[in-house]
Amino acid sequence: GKQGHGLGSALLEEALDDFAPVSEMRLLVNRDNRPAIQFYENKGFTRVGETPVRMGDHDFIDYIYSKAISYPCIS
């Protein structure tokens, strides 16, 4: 697979840069997606809730993850 090569980390950092300045990033992760859950928890995200999701005819539960974002002050 493609996991473990740093691409997810690079994409996450790019997203943070593109949406700066924000104070929080939230995202949804399917509760059965253990690799994604581990990735985001390793990146400092905390599970803050869950929400039902419907895609087509399929119902499932996603966890809501949050991370406070701080940016260095520019002097």
Protein backbone atom coordinates (compact mmCIF):
# COMPACT_ATOMS: atom_id res chain seq x y z
CA GLY A 1 0.00 0.00 0.00
CA LYS A 2 0.80 3.65 -0.06
CA GLN A 3 0.54 4.22 3.69
CA GLY A 4 3.64 5.15 5.64
CA HIS A 5 5.24 7.33 2.97
CA GLY A 6 4.33 10.73 4.44
CA LEU A 7 1.76 11.71 1.82
CA GLY A 8 -1.10 11.99 4.34
CA SER A 9 1.02 14.18 6.59
CA ALA A 10 2.00 16.41 3.69
CA LEU A 11 -1.62 16.77 2.55
CA LEU A 12 -2.76 17.60 6.08
CA GLU A 13 -0.09 20.29 6.41
CA GLU A 14 -1.05 21.73 3.01
CA ALA A 15 -4.71 21.89 4.04
CA LEU A 16 -3.79 23.72 7.23
CA ASP A 17 -1.70 26.21 5.26
CA ASP A 18 -4.47 26.78 2.70
CA PHE A 19 -7.10 27.50 5.35
CA ALA A 20 -4.94 29.64 7.63
CA PRO A 21 -5.71 31.40 9.82
CA VAL A 22 -8.21 29.15 11.54
CA SER A 23 -8.43 28.21 15.21
CA GLU A 24 -9.73 24.67 14.80
CA MET A 25 -9.82 21.89 12.23
CA ARG A 26 -12.63 19.33 12.37
CA LEU A 27 -13.02 16.24 10.26
CA LEU A 28 -15.10 13.08 10.03
CA VAL A 29 -13.62 9.58 10.12
CA ASN A 30 -15.64 6.39 9.70
CA ARG A 31 -15.62 4.60 13.05
CA ASP A 32 -14.46 1.37 11.36
CA ASN A 33 -11.44 3.01 9.66
CA ARG A 34 -8.79 2.12 12.24
CA PRO A 35 -5.79 3.25 10.13
CA ALA A 36 -7.31 6.73 9.63
CA ILE A 37 -8.28 6.99 13.30
CA GLN A 38 -4.73 6.12 14.34
CA PHE A 39 -3.28 8.59 11.82
CA TYR A 40 -5.37 11.53 13.03
CA GLU A 41 -4.89 10.70 16.71
CA ASN A 42 -1.12 10.57 16.09
CA LYS A 43 -1.44 14.04 14.52
CA GLY A 44 -3.00 15.42 17.70
CA PHE A 45 -6.68 15.23 16.80
CA THR A 46 -9.14 14.39 19.58
CA ARG A 47 -12.48 12.63 19.14
CA VAL A 48 -15.20 15.08 20.18
CA GLY A 49 -18.34 13.24 19.09
CA GLU A 50 -19.97 11.12 16.44
CA THR A 51 -22.57 11.67 13.76
CA PRO A 52 -24.75 9.49 11.53
CA VAL A 53 -23.82 9.59 7.85
CA ARG A 54 -25.82 8.44 4.83
CA MET A 55 -24.18 7.75 1.47
CA GLY A 56 -26.64 6.48 -1.08
CA ASP A 57 -28.43 3.55 0.54
CA HIS A 58 -25.78 3.08 3.24
CA ASP A 59 -26.00 4.36 6.81
CA PHE A 60 -23.01 4.40 9.12
CA ILE A 61 -21.43 6.36 11.95
CA ASP A 62 -18.50 8.74 11.63
CA TYR A 63 -16.43 10.02 14.52
CA ILE A 64 -15.90 13.78 14.68
CA TYR A 65 -12.28 14.75 15.32
CA SER A 66 -11.00 18.19 16.29
CA LYS A 67 -7.62 19.84 16.63
CA ALA A 68 -6.83 23.35 17.86
CA ILE A 69 -4.66 25.17 15.34
CA SER A 70 -2.13 27.81 16.23
CA TYR A 71 0.14 29.67 13.88
CA PRO A 72 3.48 31.26 14.64
CA CYS A 73 3.35 35.00 15.08
CA ILE A 74 4.95 36.89 12.20
CA SER A 75 7.23 39.67 13.43
